[in-house]
Amino acid sequence: MSKSLIGLLILLNVASARADQPPTGFLNTSQLMATCNDRQKIPFCFGYITGIIDGYLTLATVKGLSQNKGFCVGESVKLPAAVAAVVAFIRSNVGPSSTVSASEEVLVAPYTKFPCS
C-alpha cells in the first residue's frame, strides 16, 4: 500500500474518531466558515487555509516526505481553487456549525480534491 494511501487512511480515521473530542488549534470549523462567508473577512479565510497547507507541505519536505505528501497542490492549482475545495469539503463532510478543529479539516480536504497521480 502506498504511503499516500496510508496517510489518507490515517487522516480519515483521525477525523472520524475525533468527532466527540474538543477541538484543537485556534479555530473550529464553524469559526472558519464564518470568516469564509463574510466578504470583509475573506482575506483571513484565504490566509488561514493557505498557511495550513503551506505549513504542512513545508514540514513534509523538511522531513523528507516530498514524494509522498498525500496531495499535490503545485502550480496547476490556483489559490482560489484550493480555498474553494476546502470550504466545499467542510460544508459537505463536516457541516458549517461543527466545532471540529479547522486546521485538521483543512489538511483532510486536499487529499480528496488534489490526490497525487
PDB file of N, CA and C in Angstrom:
ATOM      1  N   MET A   1       0.852  -1.163   0.000  1.00  0.00           N
ATOM      2  CA  MET A   1       0.000   0.000   0.000  1.00  0.00           C
ATOM      3  C   MET A   1       0.903   1.233   0.000  1.00  0.00           C
ATOM      4  N   SER A   2       0.589   2.224  -0.799  1.00  0.00           N
ATOM      5  CA  SER A   2       1.441   3.410  -0.914  1.00  0.00           C
ATOM      6  C   SER A   2       1.376   4.260   0.352  1.00  0.00           C
ATOM      7  N   LYS A   3       2.439   5.028   0.576  1.00  0.00           N
ATOM      8  CA  LYS A   3       2.480   5.909   1.748  1.00  0.00           C
ATOM      9  C   LYS A   3       1.382   6.956   1.684  1.00  0.00           C
ATOM     10  N   SER A   4       1.036   7.412   0.483  1.00  0.00           N
ATOM     11  CA  SER A   4      -0.032   8.408   0.334  1.00  0.00           C
ATOM     12  C   SER A   4      -1.369   7.840   0.794  1.00  0.00           C
ATOM     13  N   LEU A   5      -1.655   6.618   0.392  1.00  0.00           N
ATOM     14  CA  LEU A   5      -2.915   5.994   0.776  1.00  0.00           C
ATOM     15  C   LEU A   5      -2.955   5.738   2.271  1.00  0.00           C
ATOM     16  N   ILE A   6      -1.851   5.309   2.826  1.00  0.00           N
ATOM     17  CA  ILE A   6      -1.790   5.082   4.267  1.00  0.00           C
ATOM     18  C   ILE A   6      -2.026   6.391   5.007  1.00  0.00           C
ATOM     19  N   GLY A   7      -1.391   7.477   4.537  1.00  0.00           N
ATOM     20  CA  GLY A   7      -1.583   8.788   5.164  1.00  0.00           C
ATOM     21  C   GLY A   7      -3.033   9.222   5.115  1.00  0.00           C
ATOM     22  N   LEU A   8      -3.681   9.023   3.972  1.00  0.00           N
ATOM     23  CA  LEU A   8      -5.086   9.395   3.839  1.00  0.00           C
ATOM     24  C   LEU A   8      -5.953   8.586   4.792  1.00  0.00           C
ATOM     25  N   LEU A   9      -5.705   7.287   4.879  1.00  0.00           N
ATOM     26  CA  LEU A   9      -6.489   6.446   5.781  1.00  0.00           C
ATOM     27  C   LEU A   9      -6.305   6.863   7.238  1.00  0.00           C
ATOM     28  N   ILE A  10      -5.099   7.213   7.595  1.00  0.00           N
ATOM     29  CA  ILE A  10      -4.851   7.669   8.964  1.00  0.00           C
ATOM     30  C   ILE A  10      -5.599   8.971   9.231  1.00  0.00           C
ATOM     31  N   LEU A  11      -5.521   9.923   8.292  1.00  0.00           N
ATOM     32  CA  LEU A  11      -6.232  11.193   8.479  1.00  0.00           C
ATOM     33  C   LEU A  11      -7.736  10.997   8.579  1.00  0.00           C
ATOM     34  N   LEU A  12      -8.290  10.145   7.721  1.00  0.00           N
ATOM     35  CA  LEU A  12      -9.735   9.909   7.753  1.00  0.00           C
ATOM     36  C   LEU A  12     -10.140   9.212   9.042  1.00  0.00           C
ATOM     37  N   ASN A  13      -9.314   8.293   9.526  1.00  0.00           N
ATOM     38  CA  ASN A  13      -9.590   7.615  10.779  1.00  0.00           C
ATOM     39  C   ASN A  13      -9.566   8.602  11.941  1.00  0.00           C
ATOM     40  N   VAL A  14      -8.585   9.479  11.949  1.00  0.00           N
ATOM     41  CA  VAL A  14      -8.498  10.504  12.986  1.00  0.00           C
ATOM     42  C   VAL A  14      -9.707  11.430  12.910  1.00  0.00           C
ATOM     43  N   ALA A  15     -10.100  11.791  11.692  1.00  0.00           N
ATOM     44  CA  ALA A  15     -11.243  12.692  11.521  1.00  0.00           C
ATOM     45  C   ALA A  15     -12.518  12.084  12.086  1.00  0.00           C
ATOM     46  N   SER A  16     -12.752  10.803  11.846  1.00  0.00           N
ATOM     47  CA  SER A  16     -13.976  10.184  12.343  1.00  0.00           C
ATOM     48  C   SER A  16     -13.892   9.888  13.838  1.00  0.00           C
ATOM     49  N   ALA A  17     -12.708   9.587  14.346  1.00  0.00           N
ATOM     50  CA  ALA A  17     -12.556   9.252  15.755  1.00  0.00           C
ATOM     51  C   ALA A  17     -12.670  10.466  16.651  1.00  0.00           C
ATOM     52  N   ARG A  18     -12.395  11.647  16.138  1.00  0.00           N
ATOM     53  CA  ARG A  18     -12.363  12.828  16.985  1.00  0.00           C
ATOM     54  C   ARG A  18     -13.684  13.591  17.030  1.00  0.00           C
ATOM     55  N   ALA A  19     -14.728  13.064  16.465  1.00  0.00           N
ATOM     56  CA  ALA A  19     -15.994  13.785  16.388  1.00  0.00           C
ATOM     57  C   ALA A  19     -16.494  14.252  17.756  1.00  0.00           C
ATOM     58  N   ASP A  20     -16.263  13.476  18.802  1.00  0.00           N
ATOM     59  CA  ASP A  20     -16.753  13.835  20.127  1.00  0.00           C
ATOM     60  C   ASP A  20     -15.685  14.479  21.000  1.00  0.00           C
ATOM     61  N   GLN A  21     -14.527  14.764  20.440  1.00  0.00           N
ATOM     62  CA  GLN A  21     -13.447  15.343  21.211  1.00  0.00           C
ATOM     63  C   GLN A  21     -13.450  16.861  21.062  1.00  0.00           C
ATOM     64  N   PRO A  22     -12.922  17.565  22.068  1.00  0.00           N
ATOM     65  CA  PRO A  22     -12.834  19.020  21.932  1.00  0.00           C
ATOM     66  C   PRO A  22     -11.869  19.387  20.817  1.00  0.00           C
ATOM     67  N   PRO A  23     -12.096  20.515  20.162  1.00  0.00           N
ATOM     68  CA  PRO A  23     -11.232  20.899  19.044  1.00  0.00           C
ATOM     69  C   PRO A  23      -9.827  21.270  19.508  1.00  0.00           C
ATOM     70  N   THR A  24      -8.877  21.070  18.597  1.00  0.00           N
ATOM     71  CA  THR A  24      -7.516  21.508  18.843  1.00  0.00           C
ATOM     72  C   THR A  24      -7.240  22.678  17.913  1.00  0.00           C
ATOM     73  N   GLY A  25      -6.242  23.450  18.211  1.00  0.00           N
ATOM     74  CA  GLY A  25      -5.907  24.576  17.348  1.00  0.00           C
ATOM     75  C   GLY A  25      -6.655  25.836  17.735  1.00  0.00           C
ATOM     76  N   PHE A  26      -6.488  26.848  16.900  1.00  0.00           N
ATOM     77  CA  PHE A  26      -7.047  28.162  17.203  1.00  0.00           C
ATOM     78  C   PHE A  26      -8.497  28.331  16.773  1.00  0.00           C
ATOM     79  N   LEU A  27      -8.883  27.683  15.684  1.00  0.00           N
ATOM     80  CA  LEU A  27     -10.240  27.858  15.155  1.00  0.00           C
ATOM     81  C   LEU A  27     -10.935  26.519  15.013  1.00  0.00           C
ATOM     82  N   ASN A  28     -12.256  26.531  15.184  1.00  0.00           N
ATOM     83  CA  ASN A  28     -13.019  25.347  14.813  1.00  0.00           C
ATOM     84  C   ASN A  28     -13.636  25.606  13.434  1.00  0.00           C
ATOM     85  N   THR A  29     -14.250  24.592  12.867  1.00  0.00           N
ATOM     86  CA  THR A  29     -14.771  24.746  11.501  1.00  0.00           C
ATOM     87  C   THR A  29     -15.889  25.775  11.426  1.00  0.00           C
ATOM     88  N   SER A  30     -16.669  25.910  12.481  1.00  0.00           N
ATOM     89  CA  SER A  30     -17.737  26.918  12.488  1.00  0.00           C
ATOM     90  C   SER A  30     -17.142  28.324  12.386  1.00  0.00           C
ATOM     91  N   GLN A  31     -16.088  28.577  13.137  1.00  0.00           N
ATOM     92  CA  GLN A  31     -15.437  29.889  13.094  1.00  0.00           C
ATOM     93  C   GLN A  31     -14.789  30.144  11.734  1.00  0.00           C
ATOM     94  N   LEU A  32     -14.148  29.121  11.176  1.00  0.00           N
ATOM     95  CA  LEU A  32     -13.522  29.285   9.859  1.00  0.00           C
ATOM     96  C   LEU A  32     -14.574  29.558   8.798  1.00  0.00           C
ATOM     97  N   MET A  33     -15.669  28.818   8.826  1.00  0.00           N
ATOM     98  CA  MET A  33     -16.720  29.023   7.829  1.00  0.00           C
ATOM     99  C   MET A  33     -17.340  30.417   7.966  1.00  0.00           C
ATOM    100  N   ALA A  34     -17.443  30.922   9.177  1.00  0.00           N
ATOM    101  CA  ALA A  34     -17.982  32.281   9.372  1.00  0.00           C
ATOM    102  C   ALA A  34     -17.074  33.305   8.700  1.00  0.00           C
ATOM    103  N   THR A  35     -15.761  33.120   8.801  1.00  0.00           N
ATOM    104  CA  THR A  35     -14.855  34.068   8.143  1.00  0.00           C
ATOM    105  C   THR A  35     -14.892  33.905   6.626  1.00  0.00           C
ATOM    106  N   CYS A  36     -15.002  32.679   6.165  1.00  0.00           N
ATOM    107  CA  CYS A  36     -15.018  32.443   4.713  1.00  0.00           C
ATOM    108  C   CYS A  36     -16.308  32.925   4.066  1.00  0.00           C
ATOM    109  N   ASN A  37     -17.365  33.053   4.844  1.00  0.00           N
ATOM    110  CA  ASN A  37     -18.652  33.515   4.323  1.00  0.00           C
ATOM    111  C   ASN A  37     -18.872  35.018   4.498  1.00  0.00           C
ATOM    112  N   ASP A  38     -17.938  35.701   5.125  1.00  0.00           N
ATOM    113  CA  ASP A  38     -18.043  37.135   5.368  1.00  0.00           C
ATOM    114  C   ASP A  38     -17.102  37.859   4.402  1.00  0.00           C
ATOM    115  N   ARG A  39     -17.665  38.658   3.491  1.00  0.00           N
ATOM    116  CA  ARG A  39     -16.853  39.331   2.462  1.00  0.00           C
ATOM    117  C   ARG A  39     -15.685  40.125   3.053  1.00  0.00           C
ATOM    118  N   GLN A  40     -15.876  40.708   4.196  1.00  0.00           N
ATOM    119  CA  GLN A  40     -14.811  41.503   4.806  1.00  0.00           C
ATOM    120  C   GLN A  40     -13.718  40.650   5.437  1.00  0.00           C
ATOM    121  N   LYS A  41     -14.017  39.386   5.696  1.00  0.00           N
ATOM    122  CA  LYS A  41     -13.041  38.504   6.346  1.00  0.00           C
ATOM    123  C   LYS A  41     -12.448  37.456   5.402  1.00  0.00           C
ATOM    124  N   ILE A  42     -12.803  37.522   4.124  1.00  0.00           N
ATOM    125  CA  ILE A  42     -12.283  36.545   3.159  1.00  0.00           C
ATOM    126  C   ILE A  42     -10.757  36.530   3.112  1.00  0.00           C
ATOM    127  N   PRO A  43     -10.076  37.675   3.225  1.00  0.00           N
ATOM    128  CA  PRO A  43      -8.609  37.599   3.245  1.00  0.00           C
ATOM    129  C   PRO A  43      -8.073  36.725   4.388  1.00  0.00           C
ATOM    130  N   PHE A  44      -8.718  36.777   5.548  1.00  0.00           N
ATOM    131  CA  PHE A  44      -8.303  35.913   6.646  1.00  0.00           C
ATOM    132  C   PHE A  44      -8.523  34.454   6.282  1.00  0.00           C
ATOM    133  N   CYS A  45      -9.681  34.152   5.691  1.00  0.00           N
ATOM    134  CA  CYS A  45     -10.006  32.788   5.258  1.00  0.00           C
ATOM    135  C   CYS A  45      -8.929  32.253   4.321  1.00  0.00           C
ATOM    136  N   PHE A  46      -8.581  33.034   3.308  1.00  0.00           N
ATOM    137  CA  PHE A  46      -7.550  32.621   2.347  1.00  0.00           C
ATOM    138  C   PHE A  46      -6.205  32.427   3.048  1.00  0.00           C
ATOM    139  N   GLY A  47      -5.852  33.362   3.923  1.00  0.00           N
ATOM    140  CA  GLY A  47      -4.571  33.277   4.619  1.00  0.00           C
ATOM    141  C   GLY A  47      -4.483  32.078   5.544  1.00  0.00           C
ATOM    142  N   TYR A  48      -5.567  31.800   6.249  1.00  0.00           N
ATOM    143  CA  TYR A  48      -5.589  30.668   7.173  1.00  0.00           C
ATOM    144  C   TYR A  48      -5.422  29.348   6.423  1.00  0.00           C
ATOM    145  N   ILE A  49      -6.231  29.151   5.395  1.00  0.00           N
ATOM    146  CA  ILE A  49      -6.182  27.905   4.624  1.00  0.00           C
ATOM    147  C   ILE A  49      -4.837  27.756   3.935  1.00  0.00           C
ATOM    148  N   THR A  50      -4.343  28.814   3.320  1.00  0.00           N
ATOM    149  CA  THR A  50      -3.048  28.775   2.648  1.00  0.00           C
ATOM    150  C   THR A  50      -1.926  28.479   3.640  1.00  0.00           C
ATOM    151  N   GLY A  51      -1.972  29.107   4.801  1.00  0.00           N
ATOM    152  CA  GLY A  51      -0.943  28.894   5.813  1.00  0.00           C
ATOM    153  C   GLY A  51      -0.893  27.461   6.305  1.00  0.00           C
ATOM    154  N   ILE A  52      -2.057  26.860   6.524  1.00  0.00           N
ATOM    155  CA  ILE A  52      -2.094  25.461   6.983  1.00  0.00           C
ATOM    156  C   ILE A  52      -1.520  24.542   5.909  1.00  0.00           C
ATOM    157  N   ILE A  53      -1.959  24.716   4.665  1.00  0.00           N
ATOM    158  CA  ILE A  53      -1.474  23.851   3.583  1.00  0.00           C
ATOM    159  C   ILE A  53       0.013  24.069   3.335  1.00  0.00           C
ATOM    160  N   ASP A  54       0.446  25.327   3.247  1.00  0.00           N
ATOM    161  CA  ASP A  54       1.874  25.608   3.035  1.00  0.00           C
ATOM    162  C   ASP A  54       2.721  25.058   4.177  1.00  0.00           C
ATOM    163  N   GLY A  55       2.250  25.228   5.400  1.00  0.00           N
ATOM    164  CA  GLY A  55       2.992  24.717   6.553  1.00  0.00           C
ATOM    165  C   GLY A  55       3.155  23.216   6.503  1.00  0.00           C
ATOM    166  N   TYR A  56       2.076  22.519   6.144  1.00  0.00           N
ATOM    167  CA  TYR A  56       2.134  21.060   6.036  1.00  0.00           C
ATOM    168  C   TYR A  56       3.100  20.627   4.936  1.00  0.00           C
ATOM    169  N   LEU A  57       2.997  21.264   3.778  1.00  0.00           N
ATOM    170  CA  LEU A  57       3.870  20.895   2.658  1.00  0.00           C
ATOM    171  C   LEU A  57       5.336  21.188   2.973  1.00  0.00           C
ATOM    172  N   THR A  58       5.591  22.282   3.660  1.00  0.00           N
ATOM    173  CA  THR A  58       6.962  22.606   4.053  1.00  0.00           C
ATOM    174  C   THR A  58       7.491  21.574   5.046  1.00  0.00           C
ATOM    175  N   LEU A  59       6.687  21.229   6.031  1.00  0.00           N
ATOM    176  CA  LEU A  59       7.102  20.229   7.010  1.00  0.00           C
ATOM    177  C   LEU A  59       7.351  18.881   6.340  1.00  0.00           C
ATOM    178  N   ALA A  60       6.486  18.508   5.412  1.00  0.00           N
ATOM    179  CA  ALA A  60       6.668  17.237   4.704  1.00  0.00           C
ATOM    180  C   ALA A  60       7.978  17.236   3.927  1.00  0.00           C
ATOM    181  N   THR A  61       8.307  18.355   3.303  1.00  0.00           N
ATOM    182  CA  THR A  61       9.550  18.458   2.547  1.00  0.00           C
ATOM    183  C   THR A  61      10.758  18.389   3.479  1.00  0.00           C
ATOM    184  N   VAL A  62      10.714  19.118   4.570  1.00  0.00           N
ATOM    185  CA  VAL A  62      11.818  19.123   5.530  1.00  0.00           C
ATOM    186  C   VAL A  62      12.033  17.734   6.128  1.00  0.00           C
ATOM    187  N   LYS A  63      10.942  17.022   6.354  1.00  0.00           N
ATOM    188  CA  LYS A  63      11.035  15.690   6.935  1.00  0.00           C
ATOM    189  C   LYS A  63      11.330  14.611   5.891  1.00  0.00           C
ATOM    190  N   GLY A  64      11.555  15.015   4.649  1.00  0.00           N
ATOM    191  CA  GLY A  64      11.908  14.054   3.615  1.00  0.00           C
ATOM    192  C   GLY A  64      10.739  13.321   2.996  1.00  0.00           C
ATOM    193  N   LEU A  65       9.557  13.871   3.091  1.00  0.00           N
ATOM    194  CA  LEU A  65       8.369  13.231   2.525  1.00  0.00           C
ATOM    195  C   LEU A  65       7.926  13.900   1.240  1.00  0.00           C
ATOM    196  N   SER A  66       8.843  14.582   0.567  1.00  0.00           N
ATOM    197  CA  SER A  66       8.467  15.393  -0.591  1.00  0.00           C
ATOM    198  C   SER A  66       7.786  14.583  -1.693  1.00  0.00           C
ATOM    199  N   GLN A  67       8.064  13.305  -1.794  1.00  0.00           N
ATOM    200  CA  GLN A  67       7.439  12.486  -2.832  1.00  0.00           C
ATOM    201  C   GLN A  67       6.118  11.868  -2.367  1.00  0.00           C
ATOM    202  N   ASN A  68       5.830  11.892  -1.067  1.00  0.00           N
ATOM    203  CA  ASN A  68       4.643  11.221  -0.534  1.00  0.00           C
ATOM    204  C   ASN A  68       3.853  12.114   0.411  1.00  0.00           C
ATOM    205  N   LYS A  69       3.517  13.288  -0.023  1.00  0.00           N
ATOM    206  CA  LYS A  69       2.771  14.229   0.815  1.00  0.00           C
ATOM    207  C   LYS A  69       1.311  13.825   0.941  1.00  0.00           C
ATOM    208  N   GLY A  70       0.828  13.045   0.006  1.00  0.00           N
ATOM    209  CA  GLY A  70      -0.566  12.624   0.042  1.00  0.00           C
ATOM    210  C   GLY A  70      -1.470  13.435  -0.860  1.00  0.00           C
ATOM    211  N   PHE A  71      -1.130  14.689  -1.087  1.00  0.00           N
ATOM    212  CA  PHE A  71      -1.883  15.506  -2.023  1.00  0.00           C
ATOM    213  C   PHE A  71      -0.906  16.434  -2.727  1.00  0.00           C
ATOM    214  N   CYS A  72      -1.299  16.871  -3.913  1.00  0.00           N
ATOM    215  CA  CYS A  72      -0.406  17.690  -4.729  1.00  0.00           C
ATOM    216  C   CYS A  72      -1.103  18.992  -5.120  1.00  0.00           C
ATOM    217  N   VAL A  73      -0.589  20.073  -4.624  1.00  0.00           N
ATOM    218  CA  VAL A  73      -1.099  21.389  -4.991  1.00  0.00           C
ATOM    219  C   VAL A  73       0.073  22.210  -5.521  1.00  0.00           C
ATOM    220  N   GLY A  74       0.417  21.942  -6.746  1.00  0.00           N
ATOM    221  CA  GLY A  74       1.524  22.646  -7.381  1.00  0.00           C
ATOM    222  C   GLY A  74       1.042  23.869  -8.121  1.00  0.00           C
ATOM    223  N   GLU A  75       1.787  24.254  -9.133  1.00  0.00           N
ATOM    224  CA  GLU A  75       1.467  25.454  -9.901  1.00  0.00           C
ATOM    225  C   GLU A  75       0.130  25.357 -10.627  1.00  0.00           C
ATOM    226  N   SER A  76      -0.318  24.137 -10.914  1.00  0.00           N
ATOM    227  CA  SER A  76      -1.576  23.985 -11.647  1.00  0.00           C
ATOM    228  C   SER A  76      -2.804  24.281 -10.777  1.00  0.00           C
ATOM    229  N   VAL A  77      -2.652  24.232  -9.462  1.00  0.00           N
ATOM    230  CA  VAL A  77      -3.760  24.517  -8.551  1.00  0.00           C
ATOM    231  C   VAL A  77      -3.630  25.958  -8.063  1.00  0.00           C
ATOM    232  N   LYS A  78      -4.590  26.762  -8.404  1.00  0.00           N
ATOM    233  CA  LYS A  78      -4.578  28.170  -8.005  1.00  0.00           C
ATOM    234  C   LYS A  78      -5.199  28.323  -6.618  1.00  0.00           C
ATOM    235  N   LEU A  79      -4.791  29.358  -5.917  1.00  0.00           N
ATOM    236  CA  LEU A  79      -5.246  29.594  -4.550  1.00  0.00           C
ATOM    237  C   LEU A  79      -6.768  29.595  -4.398  1.00  0.00           C
ATOM    238  N   PRO A  80      -7.515  30.292  -5.254  1.00  0.00           N
ATOM    239  CA  PRO A  80      -8.978  30.261  -5.094  1.00  0.00           C
ATOM    240  C   PRO A  80      -9.560  28.844  -5.203  1.00  0.00           C
ATOM    241  N   ALA A  81      -8.981  28.013  -6.058  1.00  0.00           N
ATOM    242  CA  ALA A  81      -9.473  26.638  -6.203  1.00  0.00           C
ATOM    243  C   ALA A  81      -9.194  25.826  -4.943  1.00  0.00           C
ATOM    244  N   ALA A  82      -8.031  26.016  -4.341  1.00  0.00           N
ATOM    245  CA  ALA A  82      -7.693  25.295  -3.117  1.00  0.00           C
ATOM    246  C   ALA A  82      -8.614  25.714  -1.973  1.00  0.00           C
ATOM    247  N   VAL A  83      -8.842  27.010  -1.835  1.00  0.00           N
ATOM    248  CA  VAL A  83      -9.733  27.514  -0.782  1.00  0.00           C
ATOM    249  C   VAL A  83     -11.153  27.017  -1.010  1.00  0.00           C
ATOM    250  N   ALA A  84     -11.618  27.078  -2.243  1.00  0.00           N
ATOM    251  CA  ALA A  84     -12.974  26.607  -2.563  1.00  0.00           C
ATOM    252  C   ALA A  84     -13.123  25.121  -2.257  1.00  0.00           C
ATOM    253  N   ALA A  85     -12.089  24.333  -2.533  1.00  0.00           N
ATOM    254  CA  ALA A  85     -12.140  22.895  -2.255  1.00  0.00           C
ATOM    255  C   ALA A  85     -12.252  22.628  -0.758  1.00  0.00           C
ATOM    256  N   VAL A  86     -11.514  23.383   0.037  1.00  0.00           N
ATOM    257  CA  VAL A  86     -11.572  23.214   1.491  1.00  0.00           C
ATOM    258  C   VAL A  86     -12.950  23.608   2.015  1.00  0.00           C
ATOM    259  N   VAL A  87     -13.457  24.744   1.576  1.00  0.00           N
ATOM    260  CA  VAL A  87     -14.773  25.212   2.029  1.00  0.00           C
ATOM    261  C   VAL A  87     -15.858  24.210   1.624  1.00  0.00           C
ATOM    262  N   ALA A  88     -15.810  23.721   0.402  1.00  0.00           N
ATOM    263  CA  ALA A  88     -16.800  22.736  -0.059  1.00  0.00           C
ATOM    264  C   ALA A  88     -16.705  21.442   0.748  1.00  0.00           C
ATOM    265  N   PHE A  89     -15.481  21.011   1.039  1.00  0.00           N
ATOM    266  CA  PHE A  89     -15.291  19.789   1.828  1.00  0.00           C
ATOM    267  C   PHE A  89     -15.903  19.948   3.218  1.00  0.00           C
ATOM    268  N   ILE A  90     -15.643  21.074   3.851  1.00  0.00           N
ATOM    269  CA  ILE A  90     -16.193  21.300   5.192  1.00  0.00           C
ATOM    270  C   ILE A  90     -17.716  21.344   5.145  1.00  0.00           C
ATOM    271  N   ARG A  91     -18.271  22.029   4.157  1.00  0.00           N
ATOM    272  CA  ARG A  91     -19.738  22.108   4.037  1.00  0.00           C
ATOM    273  C   ARG A  91     -20.374  20.735   3.859  1.00  0.00           C
ATOM    274  N   SER A  92     -19.766  19.885   3.034  1.00  0.00           N
ATOM    275  CA  SER A  92     -20.405  18.609   2.725  1.00  0.00           C
ATOM    276  C   SER A  92     -20.028  17.477   3.674  1.00  0.00           C
ATOM    277  N   ASN A  93     -18.903  17.579   4.360  1.00  0.00           N
ATOM    278  CA  ASN A  93     -18.462  16.460   5.194  1.00  0.00           C
ATOM    279  C   ASN A  93     -18.485  16.732   6.690  1.00  0.00           C
ATOM    280  N   VAL A  94     -18.380  17.967   7.079  1.00  0.00           N
ATOM    281  CA  VAL A  94     -18.304  18.295   8.496  1.00  0.00           C
ATOM    282  C   VAL A  94     -19.522  19.087   8.928  1.00  0.00           C
ATOM    283  N   GLY A  95     -19.919  20.030   8.111  1.00  0.00           N
ATOM    284  CA  GLY A  95     -21.033  20.910   8.445  1.00  0.00           C
ATOM    285  C   GLY A  95     -20.524  22.247   8.939  1.00  0.00           C
ATOM    286  N   PRO A  96     -21.176  23.318   8.546  1.00  0.00           N
ATOM    287  CA  PRO A  96     -20.694  24.655   8.875  1.00  0.00           C
ATOM    288  C   PRO A  96     -20.801  25.020  10.351  1.00  0.00           C
ATOM    289  N   SER A  97     -21.558  24.276  11.145  1.00  0.00           N
ATOM    290  CA  SER A  97     -21.695  24.620  12.567  1.00  0.00           C
ATOM    291  C   SER A  97     -20.910  23.674  13.471  1.00  0.00           C
ATOM    292  N   SER A  98     -20.028  22.895  12.904  1.00  0.00           N
ATOM    293  CA  SER A  98     -19.242  21.934  13.671  1.00  0.00           C
ATOM    294  C   SER A  98     -18.167  22.624  14.499  1.00  0.00           C
ATOM    295  N   THR A  99     -17.804  22.007  15.598  1.00  0.00           N
ATOM    296  CA  THR A  99     -16.724  22.528  16.433  1.00  0.00           C
ATOM    297  C   THR A  99     -15.441  21.716  16.267  1.00  0.00           C
ATOM    298  N   VAL A 100     -15.362  20.930  15.205  1.00  0.00           N
ATOM    299  CA  VAL A 100     -14.152  20.176  14.890  1.00  0.00           C
ATOM    300  C   VAL A 100     -13.048  21.163  14.526  1.00  0.00           C
ATOM    301  N   SER A 101     -11.813  20.814  14.800  1.00  0.00           N
ATOM    302  CA  SER A 101     -10.677  21.685  14.513  1.00  0.00           C
ATOM    303  C   SER A 101     -10.607  22.036  13.031  1.00  0.00           C
ATOM    304  N   ALA A 102     -10.548  23.320  12.746  1.00  0.00           N
ATOM    305  CA  ALA A 102     -10.480  23.777  11.354  1.00  0.00           C
ATOM    306  C   ALA A 102      -9.173  23.347  10.698  1.00  0.00           C
ATOM    307  N   SER A 103      -8.072  23.409  11.429  1.00  0.00           N
ATOM    308  CA  SER A 103      -6.783  23.062  10.818  1.00  0.00           C
ATOM    309  C   SER A 103      -6.750  21.606  10.372  1.00  0.00           C
ATOM    310  N   GLU A 104      -7.375  20.726  11.129  1.00  0.00           N
ATOM    311  CA  GLU A 104      -7.414  19.318  10.742  1.00  0.00           C
ATOM    312  C   GLU A 104      -8.218  19.125   9.457  1.00  0.00           C
ATOM    313  N   GLU A 105      -9.339  19.808   9.352  1.00  0.00           N
ATOM    314  CA  GLU A 105     -10.169  19.663   8.157  1.00  0.00           C
ATOM    315  C   GLU A 105      -9.513  20.292   6.940  1.00  0.00           C
ATOM    316  N   VAL A 106      -8.765  21.380   7.142  1.00  0.00           N
ATOM    317  CA  VAL A 106      -8.039  21.999   6.033  1.00  0.00           C
ATOM    318  C   VAL A 106      -7.028  21.013   5.463  1.00  0.00           C
ATOM    319  N   LEU A 107      -6.453  20.161   6.293  1.00  0.00           N
ATOM    320  CA  LEU A 107      -5.483  19.175   5.807  1.00  0.00           C
ATOM    321  C   LEU A 107      -6.139  17.934   5.215  1.00  0.00           C
ATOM    322  N   VAL A 108      -7.327  17.596   5.644  1.00  0.00           N
ATOM    323  CA  VAL A 108      -8.011  16.415   5.091  1.00  0.00           C
ATOM    324  C   VAL A 108      -8.569  16.719   3.701  1.00  0.00           C
ATOM    325  N   ALA A 109      -9.085  17.919   3.506  1.00  0.00           N
ATOM    326  CA  ALA A 109      -9.750  18.283   2.240  1.00  0.00           C
ATOM    327  C   ALA A 109      -8.884  18.076   0.999  1.00  0.00           C
ATOM    328  N   PRO A 110      -7.616  18.503   0.971  1.00  0.00           N
ATOM    329  CA  PRO A 110      -6.821  18.326  -0.256  1.00  0.00           C
ATOM    330  C   PRO A 110      -6.602  16.865  -0.661  1.00  0.00           C
ATOM    331  N   TYR A 111      -6.636  15.946   0.295  1.00  0.00           N
ATOM    332  CA  TYR A 111      -6.483  14.529  -0.044  1.00  0.00           C
ATOM    333  C   TYR A 111      -7.601  14.073  -0.983  1.00  0.00           C
ATOM    334  N   THR A 112      -8.790  14.627  -0.811  1.00  0.00           N
ATOM    335  CA  THR A 112      -9.919  14.205  -1.637  1.00  0.00           C
ATOM    336  C   THR A 112      -9.962  14.938  -2.972  1.00  0.00           C
ATOM    337  N   LYS A 113      -9.525  16.191  -2.991  1.00  0.00           N
ATOM    338  CA  LYS A 113      -9.644  17.010  -4.203  1.00  0.00           C
ATOM    339  C   LYS A 113      -8.392  17.016  -5.060  1.00  0.00           C
ATOM    340  N   PHE A 114      -7.221  16.913  -4.448  1.00  0.00           N
ATOM    341  CA  PHE A 114      -5.960  17.024  -5.182  1.00  0.00           C
ATOM    342  C   PHE A 114      -5.010  15.848  -4.902  1.00  0.00           C
ATOM    343  N   PRO A 115      -5.454  14.626  -5.157  1.00  0.00           N
ATOM    344  CA  PRO A 115      -4.545  13.498  -4.899  1.00  0.00           C
ATOM    345  C   PRO A 115      -3.389  13.512  -5.887  1.00  0.00           C
ATOM    346  N   CYS A 116      -2.252  13.012  -5.438  1.00  0.00           N
ATOM    347  CA  CYS A 116      -1.092  12.917  -6.348  1.00  0.00           C
ATOM    348  C   CYS A 116      -1.328  11.738  -7.300  1.00  0.00           C
ATOM    349  N   SER A 117      -0.950  11.936  -8.569  1.00  0.00           N
ATOM    350  CA  SER A 117      -1.167  10.848  -9.540  1.00  0.00           C
ATOM    351  C   SER A 117      -0.036   9.868  -9.504  1.00  0.00           C
TER     352      SER A 117
END
